């Protein structure tokens, strides 16, 4: 966990008088409104009202914070300001603040998003901004969750195994085959797709048998690689729960890298599994040739 003290916000001169909250900047209980309109009329500073989840695995509640608005800020900027001025014990995971590390995943107004890539001016004006931890994963504290589930599942995926080099010592590939898998390598492992997937979000018991969209993207990158020789179709069918996915595309909608997870990864994997294990023509060919199903 890292904290910083952001530069002073660019605000208008302070008003002559303002009602003081019960504690500096902190208002317990139901959320209020963000008074930009009133501030504009009086020339005073605009405020933002943030409802931030505070607590741990044993329980917690939303705590309301009022802080001055700053021009061009993202949600993570405001969370850092709350850390620096009002709640130094607020736990939040972040690293690059540039949308590349995937660390600052949270749910903003109920939608899984990166805090560093969510601009405050894109959120509904005059309304509180709710920031909560990812629902799918166990809560550590405040906005930090335990995402180790994803890494444990990744350990079950067989690694890349290239075919032998050709006689001239090279490995040749068609450009179109290379282009097909490049999209999947954009994944920053923010796990927002995992968070929004209802198969594990709403059913904790499915985690043992379901890998989730992030792992299906990784498997697609391997299965579609023109040089890879490992066959992971039985693993997808029997251990990683590909059949649980009902292609609602919710994972695609929240991906900050705009990877077409459903269309380009999950559906092609489903097609490969169905062809291998359920296609009657493939079954007949195996009967005639004596070739068995893949291990």
C-alpha atoms as a PDB file:
ATOM      1  CA  UNK A   1       0.000   0.000   0.000  1.00  0.00           C
ATOM      2  CA  UNK A   2       1.351   3.384  -0.934  1.00  0.00           C
ATOM      3  CA  UNK A   3       0.166   6.830  -0.009  1.00  0.00           C
ATOM      4  CA  UNK A   4       1.077  10.185  -1.403  1.00  0.00           C
ATOM      5  CA  UNK A   5       0.248  13.786  -0.651  1.00  0.00           C
ATOM      6  CA  UNK A   6      -1.155  15.229  -3.892  1.00  0.00           C
ATOM      7  CA  UNK A   7      -0.428  18.831  -4.951  1.00  0.00           C
ATOM      8  CA  UNK A   8      -2.832  21.500  -3.717  1.00  0.00           C
ATOM      9  CA  UNK A   9      -6.095  21.577  -5.658  1.00  0.00           C
ATOM     10  CA  UNK A  10      -6.868  24.582  -7.806  1.00  0.00           C
ATOM     11  CA  UNK A  11      -9.911  26.091  -6.101  1.00  0.00           C
ATOM     12  CA  UNK A  12     -11.634  29.451  -5.784  1.00  0.00           C
ATOM     13  CA  UNK A  13     -11.237  31.615  -2.639  1.00  0.00           C
ATOM     14  CA  UNK A  14     -12.885  30.195   0.473  1.00  0.00           C
ATOM     15  CA  UNK A  15     -16.381  31.486   1.389  1.00  0.00           C
ATOM     16  CA  UNK A  16     -16.827  33.847   4.301  1.00  0.00           C
ATOM     17  CA  UNK A  17     -18.441  31.160   6.434  1.00  0.00           C
ATOM     18  CA  UNK A  18     -19.291  27.499   6.099  1.00  0.00           C
ATOM     19  CA  UNK A  19     -21.014  25.092   8.487  1.00  0.00           C
ATOM     20  CA  UNK A  20     -18.512  22.846  10.207  1.00  0.00           C
ATOM     21  CA  UNK A  21     -19.137  19.074  10.104  1.00  0.00           C
ATOM     22  CA  UNK A  22     -19.105  16.901  13.202  1.00  0.00           C
ATOM     23  CA  UNK A  23     -15.476  15.999  12.458  1.00  0.00           C
ATOM     24  CA  UNK A  24     -13.126  17.708   9.975  1.00  0.00           C
ATOM     25  CA  UNK A  25     -14.323  16.683   6.548  1.00  0.00           C
ATOM     26  CA  UNK A  26     -16.158  13.615   7.835  1.00  0.00           C
ATOM     27  CA  UNK A  27     -19.934  13.255   7.873  1.00  0.00           C
ATOM     28  CA  UNK A  28     -21.292   9.978   9.274  1.00  0.00           C
ATOM     29  CA  UNK A  29     -24.601   8.539   8.182  1.00  0.00           C
ATOM     30  CA  UNK A  30     -26.507   8.965   4.876  1.00  0.00           C
ATOM     31  CA  UNK A  31     -24.752  10.619   1.981  1.00  0.00           C
ATOM     32  CA  UNK A  32     -25.380  14.254   1.137  1.00  0.00           C
ATOM     33  CA  UNK A  33     -25.125  16.046  -2.192  1.00  0.00           C
ATOM     34  CA  UNK A  34     -22.180  17.586  -3.986  1.00  0.00           C
ATOM     35  CA  UNK A  35     -22.777  21.342  -4.006  1.00  0.00           C
ATOM     36  CA  UNK A  36     -21.065  22.443  -7.237  1.00  0.00           C
ATOM     37  CA  UNK A  37     -24.045  24.550  -8.306  1.00  0.00           C
ATOM     38  CA  UNK A  38     -24.201  26.455  -5.035  1.00  0.00           C
ATOM     39  CA  UNK A  39     -20.445  26.945  -5.039  1.00  0.00           C
ATOM     40  CA  UNK A  40     -20.548  28.387  -8.529  1.00  0.00           C
ATOM     41  CA  UNK A  41     -23.219  30.880  -7.478  1.00  0.00           C
ATOM     42  CA  UNK A  42     -21.311  32.081  -4.397  1.00  0.00           C
ATOM     43  CA  UNK A  43     -17.800  31.884  -5.789  1.00  0.00           C
ATOM     44  CA  UNK A  44     -16.843  29.381  -3.099  1.00  0.00           C
ATOM     45  CA  UNK A  45     -14.937  26.118  -3.578  1.00  0.00           C
ATOM     46  CA  UNK A  46     -16.731  23.123  -5.013  1.00  0.00           C
ATOM     47  CA  UNK A  47     -16.890  20.027  -2.862  1.00  0.00           C
ATOM     48  CA  UNK A  48     -17.139  16.367  -3.643  1.00  0.00           C
ATOM     49  CA  UNK A  49     -18.890  13.939  -1.357  1.00  0.00           C
ATOM     50  CA  UNK A  50     -17.249  10.516  -1.282  1.00  0.00           C
ATOM     51  CA  UNK A  51     -18.881   7.488   0.302  1.00  0.00           C
ATOM     52  CA  UNK A  52     -15.982   5.103   0.921  1.00  0.00           C
ATOM     53  CA  UNK A  53     -16.266   1.608   2.334  1.00  0.00           C
ATOM     54  CA  UNK A  54     -14.389   1.249   5.613  1.00  0.00           C
ATOM     55  CA  UNK A  55     -14.020  -2.096   7.349  1.00  0.00           C
ATOM     56  CA  UNK A  56     -12.581  -5.568   7.098  1.00  0.00           C
ATOM     57  CA  UNK A  57     -13.735  -9.167   6.762  1.00  0.00           C
ATOM     58  CA  UNK A  58     -15.516  -8.855  10.107  1.00  0.00           C
ATOM     59  CA  UNK A  59     -17.773  -6.071   8.899  1.00  0.00           C
ATOM     60  CA  UNK A  60     -17.868  -2.390   8.104  1.00  0.00           C
ATOM     61  CA  UNK A  61     -19.891   0.461   6.645  1.00  0.00           C
ATOM     62  CA  UNK A  62     -19.703   3.357   4.228  1.00  0.00           C
ATOM     63  CA  UNK A  63     -18.096   6.498   5.627  1.00  0.00           C
ATOM     64  CA  UNK A  64     -18.804   9.860   4.063  1.00  0.00           C
ATOM     65  CA  UNK A  65     -16.032  12.386   3.354  1.00  0.00           C
ATOM     66  CA  UNK A  66     -16.331  15.920   2.006  1.00  0.00           C
ATOM     67  CA  UNK A  67     -13.283  17.276   0.221  1.00  0.00           C
ATOM     68  CA  UNK A  68     -12.666  20.221  -2.132  1.00  0.00           C
ATOM     69  CA  UNK A  69     -12.996  19.400  -5.803  1.00  0.00           C
ATOM     70  CA  UNK A  70      -9.955  19.683  -8.014  1.00  0.00           C
ATOM     71  CA  UNK A  71      -9.804  20.278 -11.757  1.00  0.00           C
ATOM     72  CA  UNK A  72      -9.014  17.237 -13.910  1.00  0.00           C
ATOM     73  CA  UNK A  73      -8.942  14.756 -11.026  1.00  0.00           C
ATOM     74  CA  UNK A  74      -9.607  11.045 -11.121  1.00  0.00           C
ATOM     75  CA  UNK A  75     -11.170   9.059  -8.293  1.00  0.00           C
ATOM     76  CA  UNK A  76      -7.768   7.867  -7.080  1.00  0.00           C
ATOM     77  CA  UNK A  77      -6.657  11.506  -6.645  1.00  0.00           C
ATOM     78  CA  UNK A  78      -9.571  12.127  -4.295  1.00  0.00           C
ATOM     79  CA  UNK A  79      -8.927   8.896  -2.377  1.00  0.00           C
ATOM     80  CA  UNK A  80      -5.300   9.983  -1.914  1.00  0.00           C
ATOM     81  CA  UNK A  81      -6.453  13.363  -0.645  1.00  0.00           C
ATOM     82  CA  UNK A  82      -8.738  11.674   1.855  1.00  0.00           C
ATOM     83  CA  UNK A  83      -5.759   9.586   2.989  1.00  0.00           C
ATOM     84  CA  UNK A  84      -3.571  12.652   3.327  1.00  0.00           C
ATOM     85  CA  UNK A  85      -6.020  14.915   5.144  1.00  0.00           C
ATOM     86  CA  UNK A  86      -8.875  13.002   6.736  1.00  0.00           C
ATOM     87  CA  UNK A  87      -8.234   9.248   6.991  1.00  0.00           C
ATOM     88  CA  UNK A  88      -4.531   8.289   7.045  1.00  0.00           C
ATOM     89  CA  UNK A  89      -5.461   4.709   7.897  1.00  0.00           C
ATOM     90  CA  UNK A  90      -7.564   4.231   4.751  1.00  0.00           C
ATOM     91  CA  UNK A  91      -6.278   1.124   2.926  1.00  0.00           C
ATOM     92  CA  UNK A  92      -6.118   1.241  -0.868  1.00  0.00           C
ATOM     93  CA  UNK A  93      -4.006  -0.702  -3.347  1.00  0.00           C
ATOM     94  CA  UNK A  94      -2.382   1.230  -6.202  1.00  0.00           C
ATOM     95  CA  UNK A  95       0.904   1.500  -8.034  1.00  0.00           C
ATOM     96  CA  UNK A  96       1.312   3.265 -11.388  1.00  0.00           C
ATOM     97  CA  UNK A  97      -1.691   5.651 -11.453  1.00  0.00           C
ATOM     98  CA  UNK A  98      -1.590   5.355 -15.242  1.00  0.00           C
ATOM     99  CA  UNK A  99      -3.927   2.455 -16.036  1.00  0.00           C
ATOM    100  CA  UNK A 100      -1.084   0.016 -16.656  1.00  0.00           C
ATOM    101  CA  UNK A 101      -0.674  -2.012 -13.440  1.00  0.00           C
ATOM    102  CA  UNK A 102      -4.308  -2.946 -12.712  1.00  0.00           C
ATOM    103  CA  UNK A 103      -3.823  -2.456  -8.972  1.00  0.00           C
ATOM    104  CA  UNK A 104      -6.472   0.147  -8.125  1.00  0.00           C
ATOM    105  CA  UNK A 105      -9.547  -1.853  -9.108  1.00  0.00           C
ATOM    106  CA  UNK A 106     -12.685  -1.006  -7.157  1.00  0.00           C
ATOM    107  CA  UNK A 107     -16.411  -0.531  -7.640  1.00  0.00           C
ATOM    108  CA  UNK A 108     -17.341   3.081  -8.335  1.00  0.00           C
ATOM    109  CA  UNK A 109     -21.041   3.803  -8.063  1.00  0.00           C
ATOM    110  CA  UNK A 110     -21.522   0.040  -8.248  1.00  0.00           C
ATOM    111  CA  UNK A 111     -19.543  -0.538 -11.454  1.00  0.00           C
ATOM    112  CA  UNK A 112     -16.143  -2.283 -11.486  1.00  0.00           C
ATOM    113  CA  UNK A 113     -13.599   0.286 -12.692  1.00  0.00           C
ATOM    114  CA  UNK A 114     -10.017   1.444 -12.262  1.00  0.00           C
ATOM    115  CA  UNK A 115      -9.895   4.366  -9.842  1.00  0.00           C
ATOM    116  CA  UNK A 116      -6.973   5.921 -11.720  1.00  0.00           C
ATOM    117  CA  UNK A 117      -8.854   5.925 -15.020  1.00  0.00           C
ATOM    118  CA  UNK A 118     -12.227   7.189 -13.780  1.00  0.00           C
ATOM    119  CA  UNK A 119     -12.400  10.968 -14.091  1.00  0.00           C
ATOM    120  CA  UNK A 120     -14.482  12.752 -11.511  1.00  0.00           C
ATOM    121  CA  UNK A 121     -16.101  14.958 -14.168  1.00  0.00           C
ATOM    122  CA  UNK A 122     -17.555  11.877 -15.899  1.00  0.00           C
ATOM    123  CA  UNK A 123     -19.581  10.918 -12.820  1.00  0.00           C
ATOM    124  CA  UNK A 124     -23.100  12.286 -12.207  1.00  0.00           C
ATOM    125  CA  UNK A 125     -22.773  15.892 -10.970  1.00  0.00           C
ATOM    126  CA  UNK A 126     -24.353  16.854  -7.670  1.00  0.00           C
ATOM    127  CA  UNK A 127     -24.397  13.264  -6.402  1.00  0.00           C
ATOM    128  CA  UNK A 128     -22.198  11.400  -3.901  1.00  0.00           C
ATOM    129  CA  UNK A 129     -19.549   9.115  -5.363  1.00  0.00           C
ATOM    130  CA  UNK A 130     -19.573   5.643  -3.832  1.00  0.00           C
ATOM    131  CA  UNK A 131     -16.310   3.697  -3.772  1.00  0.00           C
ATOM    132  CA  UNK A 132     -16.304   0.115  -2.528  1.00  0.00           C
ATOM    133  CA  UNK A 133     -13.968  -2.895  -2.820  1.00  0.00           C
ATOM    134  CA  UNK A 134     -14.418  -5.584  -5.460  1.00  0.00           C
ATOM    135  CA  UNK A 135     -17.319  -7.752  -4.380  1.00  0.00           C
ATOM    136  CA  UNK A 136     -16.103 -11.084  -5.746  1.00  0.00           C
ATOM    137  CA  UNK A 137     -12.919 -11.393  -3.687  1.00  0.00           C
ATOM    138  CA  UNK A 138     -12.382 -11.682   0.086  1.00  0.00           C
ATOM    139  CA  UNK A 139     -12.015  -8.332   1.804  1.00  0.00           C
ATOM    140  CA  UNK A 140      -8.710  -7.538   3.495  1.00  0.00           C
ATOM    141  CA  UNK A 141      -9.443  -3.995   4.662  1.00  0.00           C
ATOM    142  CA  UNK A 142     -11.280  -0.959   3.287  1.00  0.00           C
ATOM    143  CA  UNK A 143     -10.720  -0.978  -0.504  1.00  0.00           C
ATOM    144  CA  UNK A 144      -8.168  -3.819  -0.558  1.00  0.00           C
ATOM    145  CA  UNK A 145      -9.220  -7.350  -1.497  1.00  0.00           C
ATOM    146  CA  UNK A 146      -7.404 -10.683  -1.656  1.00  0.00           C
ATOM    147  CA  UNK A 147      -7.111 -11.584  -5.353  1.00  0.00           C
ATOM    148  CA  UNK A 148      -4.891 -14.640  -4.835  1.00  0.00           C
ATOM    149  CA  UNK A 149      -7.690 -16.836  -6.250  1.00  0.00           C
ATOM    150  CA  UNK A 150      -6.667 -15.687  -9.727  1.00  0.00           C
ATOM    151  CA  UNK A 151      -3.005 -16.594  -9.262  1.00  0.00           C
ATOM    152  CA  UNK A 152      -3.836 -20.020  -7.862  1.00  0.00           C
ATOM    153  CA  UNK A 153      -6.007 -20.736 -10.895  1.00  0.00           C
ATOM    154  CA  UNK A 154      -3.220 -19.552 -13.196  1.00  0.00           C
ATOM    155  CA  UNK A 155      -0.935 -22.234 -11.775  1.00  0.00           C
ATOM    156  CA  UNK A 156      -3.196 -24.921 -13.272  1.00  0.00           C
ATOM    157  CA  UNK A 157      -2.703 -23.697 -16.857  1.00  0.00           C
ATOM    158  CA  UNK A 158      -0.043 -25.638 -18.817  1.00  0.00           C
ATOM    159  CA  UNK A 159       2.703 -23.334 -20.047  1.00  0.00           C
ATOM    160  CA  UNK A 160       3.530 -22.431 -23.637  1.00  0.00           C
ATOM    161  CA  UNK A 161       5.184 -25.356 -25.437  1.00  0.00           C
ATOM    162  CA  UNK A 162       6.530 -24.428 -28.887  1.00  0.00           C
ATOM    163  CA  UNK A 163       6.833 -26.924 -31.688  1.00  0.00           C
ATOM    164  CA  UNK A 164      10.359 -27.926 -32.804  1.00  0.00           C
ATOM    165  CA  UNK A 165      12.264 -25.594 -35.095  1.00  0.00           C
ATOM    166  CA  UNK A 166      12.209 -26.242 -38.801  1.00  0.00           C
ATOM    167  CA  UNK A 167      15.192 -27.616 -40.710  1.00  0.00           C
ATOM    168  CA  UNK A 168      16.679 -24.162 -41.229  1.00  0.00           C
ATOM    169  CA  UNK A 169      16.505 -23.402 -37.495  1.00  0.00           C
ATOM    170  CA  UNK A 170      13.516 -21.042 -37.669  1.00  0.00           C
ATOM    171  CA  UNK A 171       9.851 -21.127 -36.734  1.00  0.00           C
ATOM    172  CA  UNK A 172       7.519 -19.596 -39.296  1.00  0.00           C
ATOM    173  CA  UNK A 173       4.108 -18.107 -38.585  1.00  0.00           C
ATOM    174  CA  UNK A 174       1.465 -16.314 -40.623  1.00  0.00           C
ATOM    175  CA  UNK A 175       0.998 -12.677 -39.657  1.00  0.00           C
ATOM    176  CA  UNK A 176      -2.741 -13.153 -39.240  1.00  0.00           C
ATOM    177  CA  UNK A 177      -2.086 -15.881 -36.644  1.00  0.00           C
ATOM    178  CA  UNK A 178       0.224 -13.555 -34.740  1.00  0.00           C
ATOM    179  CA  UNK A 179      -2.306 -10.712 -34.861  1.00  0.00           C
ATOM    180  CA  UNK A 180      -5.054 -12.937 -33.475  1.00  0.00           C
ATOM    181  CA  UNK A 181      -3.377 -13.373 -30.088  1.00  0.00           C
ATOM    182  CA  UNK A 182      -1.889  -9.884 -29.679  1.00  0.00           C
ATOM    183  CA  UNK A 183      -5.140  -8.518 -28.257  1.00  0.00           C
ATOM    184  CA  UNK A 184      -4.994 -10.948 -25.331  1.00  0.00           C
ATOM    185  CA  UNK A 185      -1.529  -9.754 -24.300  1.00  0.00           C
ATOM    186  CA  UNK A 186      -2.951  -6.319 -23.489  1.00  0.00           C
ATOM    187  CA  UNK A 187      -4.482  -7.704 -20.281  1.00  0.00           C
ATOM    188  CA  UNK A 188      -3.210  -5.823 -17.188  1.00  0.00           C
ATOM    189  CA  UNK A 189      -4.697  -8.309 -14.697  1.00  0.00           C
ATOM    190  CA  UNK A 190      -6.935  -5.771 -13.009  1.00  0.00           C
ATOM    191  CA  UNK A 191      -9.434  -8.624 -12.483  1.00  0.00           C
ATOM    192  CA  UNK A 192     -12.423  -6.381 -13.139  1.00  0.00           C
ATOM    193  CA  UNK A 193     -13.728  -9.052 -15.517  1.00  0.00           C
ATOM    194  CA  UNK A 194     -13.474 -11.592 -12.715  1.00  0.00           C
ATOM    195  CA  UNK A 195     -15.241  -9.223 -10.333  1.00  0.00           C
ATOM    196  CA  UNK A 196     -18.228  -8.635 -12.617  1.00  0.00           C
ATOM    197  CA  UNK A 197     -18.657 -12.277 -13.705  1.00  0.00           C
ATOM    198  CA  UNK A 198     -21.851 -13.479 -12.045  1.00  0.00           C
ATOM    199  CA  UNK A 199     -20.729 -17.119 -12.113  1.00  0.00           C
ATOM    200  CA  UNK A 200     -18.346 -16.433  -9.219  1.00  0.00           C
ATOM    201  CA  UNK A 201     -19.610 -13.036  -8.040  1.00  0.00           C
ATOM    202  CA  UNK A 202     -22.940 -14.454  -6.919  1.00  0.00           C
ATOM    203  CA  UNK A 203     -21.861 -18.062  -6.291  1.00  0.00           C
ATOM    204  CA  UNK A 204     -18.809 -18.499  -4.093  1.00  0.00           C
ATOM    205  CA  UNK A 205     -19.122 -22.278  -4.453  1.00  0.00           C
ATOM    206  CA  UNK A 206     -18.312 -22.047  -8.179  1.00  0.00           C
ATOM    207  CA  UNK A 207     -14.787 -20.748  -7.665  1.00  0.00           C
ATOM    208  CA  UNK A 208     -13.340 -24.223  -7.289  1.00  0.00           C
ATOM    209  CA  UNK A 209     -14.651 -25.300 -10.697  1.00  0.00           C
ATOM    210  CA  UNK A 210     -14.566 -22.046 -12.690  1.00  0.00           C
ATOM    211  CA  UNK A 211     -11.481 -20.148 -13.832  1.00  0.00           C
ATOM    212  CA  UNK A 212     -13.180 -16.958 -14.959  1.00  0.00           C
ATOM    213  CA  UNK A 213     -12.749 -14.556 -17.901  1.00  0.00           C
ATOM    214  CA  UNK A 214      -9.181 -13.509 -17.091  1.00  0.00           C
ATOM    215  CA  UNK A 215      -7.947 -17.107 -17.251  1.00  0.00           C
ATOM    216  CA  UNK A 216      -9.940 -17.765 -20.421  1.00  0.00           C
ATOM    217  CA  UNK A 217      -8.120 -14.839 -22.039  1.00  0.00           C
ATOM    218  CA  UNK A 218      -4.810 -16.393 -21.052  1.00  0.00           C
ATOM    219  CA  UNK A 219      -5.890 -19.802 -22.308  1.00  0.00           C
ATOM    220  CA  UNK A 220      -7.039 -18.302 -25.602  1.00  0.00           C
ATOM    221  CA  UNK A 221      -3.639 -16.646 -26.054  1.00  0.00           C
ATOM    222  CA  UNK A 222      -2.000 -20.051 -25.619  1.00  0.00           C
ATOM    223  CA  UNK A 223      -4.488 -22.211 -27.530  1.00  0.00           C
ATOM    224  CA  UNK A 224      -4.529 -19.864 -30.531  1.00  0.00           C
ATOM    225  CA  UNK A 225      -0.792 -19.321 -30.640  1.00  0.00           C
ATOM    226  CA  UNK A 226       0.478 -20.709 -33.968  1.00  0.00           C
ATOM    227  CA  UNK A 227       3.518 -22.368 -32.380  1.00  0.00           C
ATOM    228  CA  UNK A 228       1.987 -23.872 -29.236  1.00  0.00           C
ATOM    229  CA  UNK A 229       1.599 -27.654 -29.114  1.00  0.00           C
ATOM    230  CA  UNK A 230      -0.094 -28.182 -25.734  1.00  0.00           C
ATOM    231  CA  UNK A 231      -3.759 -29.212 -25.846  1.00  0.00           C
ATOM    232  CA  UNK A 232      -5.802 -27.650 -23.033  1.00  0.00           C
ATOM    233  CA  UNK A 233      -9.300 -28.431 -24.311  1.00  0.00           C
ATOM    234  CA  UNK A 234     -10.002 -31.214 -21.824  1.00  0.00           C
ATOM    235  CA  UNK A 235      -8.746 -28.985 -19.023  1.00  0.00           C
ATOM    236  CA  UNK A 236     -11.134 -26.253 -20.156  1.00  0.00           C
ATOM    237  CA  UNK A 237     -14.041 -28.670 -20.303  1.00  0.00           C
ATOM    238  CA  UNK A 238     -13.534 -30.647 -17.122  1.00  0.00           C
ATOM    239  CA  UNK A 239     -11.567 -28.513 -14.643  1.00  0.00           C
ATOM    240  CA  UNK A 240     -11.803 -24.832 -15.555  1.00  0.00           C
ATOM    241  CA  UNK A 241     -15.553 -24.650 -16.116  1.00  0.00           C
ATOM    242  CA  UNK A 242     -15.723 -23.085 -19.572  1.00  0.00           C
ATOM    243  CA  UNK A 243     -19.267 -24.403 -19.916  1.00  0.00           C
ATOM    244  CA  UNK A 244     -20.456 -22.282 -16.975  1.00  0.00           C
ATOM    245  CA  UNK A 245     -20.040 -19.100 -19.025  1.00  0.00           C
ATOM    246  CA  UNK A 246     -23.279 -18.044 -20.696  1.00  0.00           C
ATOM    247  CA  UNK A 247     -21.640 -15.241 -22.748  1.00  0.00           C
ATOM    248  CA  UNK A 248     -23.474 -12.244 -21.248  1.00  0.00           C
ATOM    249  CA  UNK A 249     -20.474 -10.058 -22.223  1.00  0.00           C
ATOM    250  CA  UNK A 250     -20.394  -8.283 -18.865  1.00  0.00           C
ATOM    251  CA  UNK A 251     -16.647  -9.010 -18.695  1.00  0.00           C
ATOM    252  CA  UNK A 252     -16.084  -7.311 -22.040  1.00  0.00           C
ATOM    253  CA  UNK A 253     -18.003  -4.231 -20.918  1.00  0.00           C
ATOM    254  CA  UNK A 254     -15.738  -3.517 -17.930  1.00  0.00           C
ATOM    255  CA  UNK A 255     -12.358  -4.319 -19.528  1.00  0.00           C
ATOM    256  CA  UNK A 256     -10.226  -1.137 -19.409  1.00  0.00           C
ATOM    257  CA  UNK A 257      -8.094  -2.456 -22.294  1.00  0.00           C
ATOM    258  CA  UNK A 258     -11.202  -3.031 -24.449  1.00  0.00           C
ATOM    259  CA  UNK A 259     -10.348  -6.687 -25.044  1.00  0.00           C
ATOM    260  CA  UNK A 260     -13.279  -8.446 -26.674  1.00  0.00           C
ATOM    261  CA  UNK A 261     -13.163 -11.208 -24.098  1.00  0.00           C
ATOM    262  CA  UNK A 262     -16.418 -12.915 -25.020  1.00  0.00           C
ATOM    263  CA  UNK A 263     -16.269 -12.682 -28.810  1.00  0.00           C
ATOM    264  CA  UNK A 264     -12.560 -13.281 -29.368  1.00  0.00           C
ATOM    265  CA  UNK A 265     -11.545 -15.521 -26.448  1.00  0.00           C
ATOM    266  CA  UNK A 266     -14.432 -17.348 -24.782  1.00  0.00           C
ATOM    267  CA  UNK A 267     -16.610 -18.167 -27.796  1.00  0.00           C
ATOM    268  CA  UNK A 268     -13.698 -19.520 -29.898  1.00  0.00           C
ATOM    269  CA  UNK A 269     -12.612 -21.659 -26.935  1.00  0.00           C
ATOM    270  CA  UNK A 270     -16.150 -23.000 -26.606  1.00  0.00           C
ATOM    271  CA  UNK A 271     -16.167 -23.824 -30.313  1.00  0.00           C
ATOM    272  CA  UNK A 272     -12.912 -25.759 -29.994  1.00  0.00           C
ATOM    273  CA  UNK A 273     -14.190 -27.751 -27.026  1.00  0.00           C
ATOM    274  CA  UNK A 274     -17.522 -28.541 -28.722  1.00  0.00           C
ATOM    275  CA  UNK A 275     -15.784 -29.587 -31.932  1.00  0.00           C
ATOM    276  CA  UNK A 276     -13.399 -31.901 -30.101  1.00  0.00           C
ATOM    277  CA  UNK A 277     -15.838 -33.569 -27.716  1.00  0.00           C
ATOM    278  CA  UNK A 278     -19.352 -33.227 -29.161  1.00  0.00           C
ATOM    279  CA  UNK A 279     -19.100 -32.993 -32.957  1.00  0.00           C
ATOM    280  CA  UNK A 280     -20.600 -36.209 -34.456  1.00  0.00           C
ATOM    281  CA  UNK A 281     -18.332 -35.969 -37.506  1.00  0.00           C
ATOM    282  CA  UNK A 282     -15.252 -35.838 -35.284  1.00  0.00           C
ATOM    283  CA  UNK A 283     -16.605 -38.850 -33.349  1.00  0.00           C
ATOM    284  CA  UNK A 284     -17.095 -40.761 -36.611  1.00  0.00           C
ATOM    285  CA  UNK A 285     -13.610 -39.858 -37.811  1.00  0.00           C
ATOM    286  CA  UNK A 286     -12.154 -41.224 -34.584  1.00  0.00           C
ATOM    287  CA  UNK A 287     -14.058 -44.449 -35.014  1.00  0.00           C
ATOM    288  CA  UNK A 288     -12.724 -44.862 -38.528  1.00  0.00           C
ATOM    289  CA  UNK A 289      -9.128 -43.895 -37.782  1.00  0.00           C
ATOM    290  CA  UNK A 290      -8.810 -45.272 -34.264  1.00  0.00           C
ATOM    291  CA  UNK A 291      -7.643 -41.908 -32.936  1.00  0.00           C
ATOM    292  CA  UNK A 292      -8.812 -41.225 -29.406  1.00  0.00           C
ATOM    293  CA  UNK A 293      -9.901 -37.979 -27.773  1.00  0.00           C
ATOM    294  CA  UNK A 294      -7.183 -35.672 -26.428  1.00  0.00           C
ATOM    295  CA  UNK A 295      -5.895 -36.317 -22.963  1.00  0.00           C
END
